[in-house]
Amino acid sequence: MMAVASGDIAELYAAGDAILKVPRLPADNDLMRAEARALTTLQRDGDARHRAYAPRLIQSFTHEDGDGARRTAVVLERQAGFVPLTGLEHRLDPRDVAWMWRRLLTGLGWAHRAGLVHGAILPEHVLIHPGEHGVVLVDWCYSVAPGASIPALVARHRRAYPPEVLARQPASPATDIYMASGLMLRLIADPPAALRRFAAGCRYAAPRMRPQDAWRLLGELDELLEDLYGLRRFRPFALPA
């Protein structure tokens, strides 16, 4: 079986309409188990209207290789037509980022209401469907319940994390809001001043100073976008060359 992608900690293999995800190191089995728990929680406890914001867990199992090393693997529903935000930083029109930002906040609000903090809102973990304006949050390996510390970080994205993650302090919905706001702002080629101020208000160093409710923040974003661009309407989007 040939790998179709390499994640932060795992190799991903195509298996029909599914993706098999296997950690490269047995030491990361705890992160794989965290992903399986998070996706199970979202499928069981999350509002069914929003389940498309995360991949569906098909199964989780332990694989033992020829050397006796045991790895926790997960099988996920494949996200056909979706691509990561990797490589799009500073390249997009703010009107195109608007729908991504709105959907990302919707997905985060859904996860937070189910009792989860994603913990790693990074370009490769946010998939978009360009034609259908879909968004899926992937790689729930770093997710925790509010009040727990994020177990690991992606070293190359260290500057994208809020202070509480770097200090191994408790995470909260404000942790995801900090990372999501920074990511969305970085996608825009020339962010309007109003969007810069909006993102800055979501990225204070102290978590208590940031917004705590992604769905309420979505309402504030909608008001800002209407002031900037008028009533919301569908804007066709194609990935830049």
Protein backbone atom coordinates (compact mmCIF):
# COMPACT_ATOMS: atom_id res chain seq x y z
CA MET A 1 0.00 0.00 0.00
CA MET A 2 1.42 3.36 -1.06
CA ALA A 3 1.25 6.44 1.13
CA VAL A 4 -0.76 9.29 -0.41
CA ALA A 5 0.34 11.90 2.14
CA SER A 6 2.62 12.39 5.12
CA GLY A 7 1.13 14.09 8.16
CA ASP A 8 2.83 15.55 11.19
CA ILE A 9 3.12 12.19 12.93
CA ALA A 10 1.61 9.64 10.55
CA GLU A 11 1.57 8.27 7.04
CA LEU A 12 -1.76 8.29 5.20
CA TYR A 13 -2.74 5.50 2.81
CA ALA A 14 -5.65 5.35 0.38
CA ALA A 15 -8.04 2.44 0.94
CA GLY A 16 -10.96 2.88 -1.44
CA ASP A 17 -13.25 5.56 -0.03
CA ALA A 18 -11.26 5.62 3.20
CA ILE A 19 -7.90 6.82 4.49
CA LEU A 20 -5.73 4.63 6.71
CA LYS A 21 -3.61 6.69 9.09
CA VAL A 22 -0.65 4.96 10.78
CA PRO A 23 1.85 6.73 13.08
CA ARG A 24 5.49 6.52 12.09
CA LEU A 25 6.53 6.03 15.72
CA PRO A 26 4.81 3.87 18.35
CA ALA A 27 5.57 6.66 20.81
CA ASP A 28 2.81 8.67 19.11
CA ASN A 29 0.11 6.06 19.75
CA ASP A 30 -1.35 8.31 22.47
CA LEU A 31 -1.94 11.06 19.89
CA MET A 32 -3.67 8.60 17.56
CA ARG A 33 -5.89 7.43 20.39
CA ALA A 34 -6.72 11.07 21.12
CA GLU A 35 -7.88 11.51 17.52
CA ALA A 36 -10.07 8.41 17.70
CA ARG A 37 -11.63 9.63 20.97
CA ALA A 38 -12.26 13.11 19.61
CA LEU A 39 -13.92 11.91 16.42
CA THR A 40 -16.02 9.43 18.39
CA THR A 41 -17.13 12.26 20.68
CA LEU A 42 -18.05 14.49 17.74
CA GLN A 43 -20.03 11.73 16.04
CA ARG A 44 -21.81 10.78 19.27
CA ASP A 45 -22.30 14.09 21.07
CA GLY A 46 -21.88 16.80 18.43
CA ASP A 47 -24.86 18.38 16.71
CA ALA A 48 -25.56 16.15 13.69
CA ARG A 49 -26.11 19.22 11.49
CA HIS A 50 -22.40 20.02 11.67
CA ARG A 51 -20.80 16.59 11.35
CA ALA A 52 -19.40 17.43 7.92
CA TYR A 53 -16.85 19.69 9.66
CA ALA A 54 -14.77 16.68 10.75
CA PRO A 55 -13.93 13.38 9.04
CA ARG A 56 -15.97 10.35 10.06
CA LEU A 57 -14.08 7.73 12.05
CA ILE A 58 -14.68 4.30 10.51
CA GLN A 59 -12.57 2.31 12.95
CA SER A 60 -9.46 2.32 15.13
CA PHE A 61 -7.23 -0.69 15.73
CA THR A 62 -3.75 -1.77 16.85
CA HIS A 63 -1.31 -3.00 14.21
CA GLU A 64 1.76 -5.07 15.09
CA ASP A 65 4.61 -5.13 12.57
CA GLY A 66 7.19 -7.85 11.97
CA ASP A 67 9.47 -6.46 14.65
CA GLY A 68 6.74 -6.53 17.27
CA ALA A 69 6.18 -2.77 17.30
CA ARG A 70 2.52 -1.94 17.99
CA ARG A 71 0.93 1.10 16.41
CA THR A 72 -2.55 2.56 16.88
CA ALA A 73 -4.08 3.20 13.46
CA VAL A 74 -7.31 4.92 12.45
CA VAL A 75 -9.45 4.55 9.34
CA LEU A 76 -11.20 7.74 8.26
CA GLU A 77 -13.71 8.63 5.61
CA ARG A 78 -11.88 10.15 2.63
CA GLN A 79 -12.53 13.84 1.94
CA ALA A 80 -12.92 13.77 -1.85
CA GLY A 81 -12.34 17.11 -3.56
CA PHE A 82 -10.86 18.77 -0.47
CA VAL A 83 -7.40 20.35 -0.34
CA PRO A 84 -5.39 21.85 2.56
CA LEU A 85 -4.76 25.55 2.97
CA THR A 86 -1.02 24.92 2.72
CA GLY A 87 0.73 27.32 0.37
CA LEU A 88 -2.12 29.85 0.19
CA GLU A 89 -0.75 32.28 2.77
CA HIS A 90 -0.85 35.94 1.63
CA ARG A 91 -2.40 35.01 -1.71
CA LEU A 92 -6.19 35.28 -1.37
CA ASP A 93 -8.82 37.98 -1.73
CA PRO A 94 -10.43 38.80 1.64
CA ARG A 95 -13.86 38.09 0.12
CA ASP A 96 -12.74 34.52 -0.57
CA VAL A 97 -11.26 34.08 2.89
CA ALA A 98 -14.58 35.31 4.33
CA TRP A 99 -16.43 32.06 3.62
CA MET A 100 -13.52 29.99 4.93
CA TRP A 101 -13.40 32.05 8.12
CA ARG A 102 -17.16 31.75 8.64
CA ARG A 103 -17.16 27.99 8.17
CA LEU A 104 -14.09 27.51 10.32
CA LEU A 105 -15.76 29.35 13.19
CA THR A 106 -18.89 27.24 12.70
CA GLY A 107 -16.87 24.03 12.89
CA LEU A 108 -15.00 25.23 15.96
CA GLY A 109 -18.20 26.26 17.70
CA TRP A 110 -19.54 22.76 17.06
CA ALA A 111 -16.44 21.12 18.53
CA HIS A 112 -16.38 23.42 21.55
CA ARG A 113 -20.02 22.68 22.35
CA ALA A 114 -19.13 18.97 22.24
CA GLY A 115 -16.39 19.58 24.83
CA LEU A 116 -13.31 19.59 22.61
CA VAL A 117 -10.48 21.98 21.81
CA HIS A 118 -8.82 21.09 18.49
CA GLY A 119 -5.45 22.51 19.52
CA ALA A 120 -3.74 22.76 16.13
CA ILE A 121 -5.54 25.07 13.69
CA LEU A 122 -2.80 25.06 11.05
CA PRO A 123 -2.86 25.26 7.22
CA GLU A 124 -2.51 21.52 6.68
CA HIS A 125 -5.27 20.76 9.19
CA VAL A 126 -7.95 22.88 7.50
CA LEU A 127 -9.25 21.37 4.27
CA ILE A 128 -11.42 23.32 1.85
CA HIS A 129 -13.58 22.28 -1.09
CA PRO A 130 -13.07 25.17 -3.53
CA GLY A 131 -16.19 24.62 -5.61
CA GLU A 132 -18.66 23.85 -2.82
CA HIS A 133 -17.14 26.19 -0.22
CA GLY A 134 -16.76 23.30 2.20
CA VAL A 135 -14.42 23.21 5.21
CA VAL A 136 -13.27 20.16 7.16
CA LEU A 137 -11.04 20.18 10.25
CA VAL A 138 -8.64 17.24 10.26
CA ASP A 139 -5.88 15.87 12.49
CA TRP A 140 -7.59 15.78 15.88
CA CYS A 141 -4.50 14.14 17.42
CA TYR A 142 -3.77 17.21 19.52
CA SER A 143 -7.31 17.72 20.78
CA VAL A 144 -8.16 17.89 24.48
CA ALA A 145 -11.03 18.76 26.77
CA PRO A 146 -11.06 22.41 27.90
CA GLY A 147 -8.78 22.82 30.89
CA ALA A 148 -6.20 20.26 29.74
CA SER A 149 -2.92 21.20 28.09
CA ILE A 150 -2.26 20.49 24.41
CA PRO A 151 -0.05 17.36 24.43
CA ALA A 152 2.28 18.31 21.56
CA LEU A 153 2.83 20.96 18.93
CA VAL A 154 4.01 21.02 15.32
CA ALA A 155 7.47 22.53 15.72
CA ARG A 156 7.65 24.23 12.32
CA HIS A 157 4.49 26.20 13.21
CA ARG A 158 5.65 27.21 16.67
CA ARG A 159 4.98 30.91 16.02
CA ALA A 160 1.32 30.18 15.23
CA TYR A 161 0.53 28.89 18.74
CA PRO A 162 -0.79 31.05 21.59
CA PRO A 163 1.29 31.45 24.77
CA GLU A 164 -0.73 28.94 26.79
CA VAL A 165 0.16 26.09 24.42
CA LEU A 166 3.87 26.93 24.47
CA ALA A 167 3.77 27.10 28.28
CA ARG A 168 1.79 23.81 28.58
CA GLN A 169 -0.98 25.69 30.37
CA PRO A 170 -4.70 24.85 30.13
CA ALA A 171 -6.27 25.18 26.69
CA SER A 172 -9.75 26.53 26.03
CA PRO A 173 -11.94 27.53 23.08
CA ALA A 174 -9.94 30.79 23.10
CA THR A 175 -6.90 28.72 22.11
CA ASP A 176 -8.54 27.62 18.86
CA ILE A 177 -9.92 31.12 18.23
CA TYR A 178 -6.38 32.58 18.54
CA MET A 179 -4.97 30.11 16.00
CA ALA A 180 -7.92 30.29 13.60
CA SER A 181 -7.86 34.09 13.50
CA GLY A 182 -4.14 34.17 12.79
CA LEU A 183 -4.42 31.57 10.05
CA MET A 184 -7.30 33.31 8.29
CA LEU A 185 -5.54 36.68 8.40
CA ARG A 186 -2.35 35.14 6.97
CA LEU A 187 -4.27 33.86 3.94
CA ILE A 188 -5.20 37.38 2.82
CA ALA A 189 -2.87 39.15 0.41
CA ASP A 190 -3.67 42.64 1.72
CA PRO A 191 -5.99 42.48 4.75
CA PRO A 192 -8.30 45.47 5.27
CA ALA A 193 -7.58 47.38 8.46
CA ALA A 194 -10.93 46.32 9.94
CA LEU A 195 -10.08 42.64 9.53
CA ARG A 196 -6.64 43.21 11.05
CA ARG A 197 -8.28 44.79 14.10
CA PHE A 198 -10.80 41.96 14.32
CA ALA A 199 -8.05 39.34 14.27
CA ALA A 200 -5.95 41.29 16.77
CA GLY A 201 -8.86 41.25 19.20
CA CYS A 202 -8.84 37.44 18.99
CA ARG A 203 -5.11 37.12 19.61
CA TYR A 204 -4.39 38.76 22.95
CA ALA A 205 -1.69 36.96 24.91
CA ALA A 206 -4.02 36.34 27.85
CA PRO A 207 -6.75 33.81 26.96
CA ARG A 208 -9.30 35.58 29.19
CA MET A 209 -8.99 38.69 26.99
CA ARG A 210 -9.97 36.80 23.83
CA PRO A 211 -13.45 35.82 22.61
CA GLN A 212 -14.55 32.54 24.19
CA ASP A 213 -17.51 31.60 21.96
CA ALA A 214 -16.81 30.84 18.27
CA TRP A 215 -20.48 31.05 17.30
CA ARG A 216 -20.92 34.45 18.93
CA LEU A 217 -17.72 35.57 17.23
CA LEU A 218 -19.19 34.42 13.91
CA GLY A 219 -22.05 36.88 14.40
CA GLU A 220 -19.54 39.69 14.96
CA LEU A 221 -17.61 38.65 11.85
CA ASP A 222 -20.80 38.68 9.79
CA GLU A 223 -21.54 42.24 10.88
CA LEU A 224 -18.01 43.31 9.95
CA LEU A 225 -18.16 41.60 6.56
CA GLU A 226 -21.49 43.24 5.78
CA ASP A 227 -20.03 46.64 6.62
CA LEU A 228 -17.09 45.95 4.32
CA TYR A 229 -18.74 44.17 1.38
CA GLY A 230 -22.51 44.46 1.71
CA LEU A 231 -25.00 41.62 1.94
CA ARG A 232 -23.54 38.12 1.80
CA ARG A 233 -23.71 36.35 -1.57
CA PHE A 234 -22.04 33.34 -3.14
CA ARG A 235 -18.67 34.17 -4.70
CA PRO A 236 -17.20 31.44 -6.97
CA PHE A 237 -13.70 30.45 -5.89
CA ALA A 238 -10.84 28.76 -7.72
CA LEU A 239 -7.44 27.98 -6.24
CA PRO A 240 -4.75 30.39 -7.45
CA ALA A 241 -2.28 28.93 -9.92
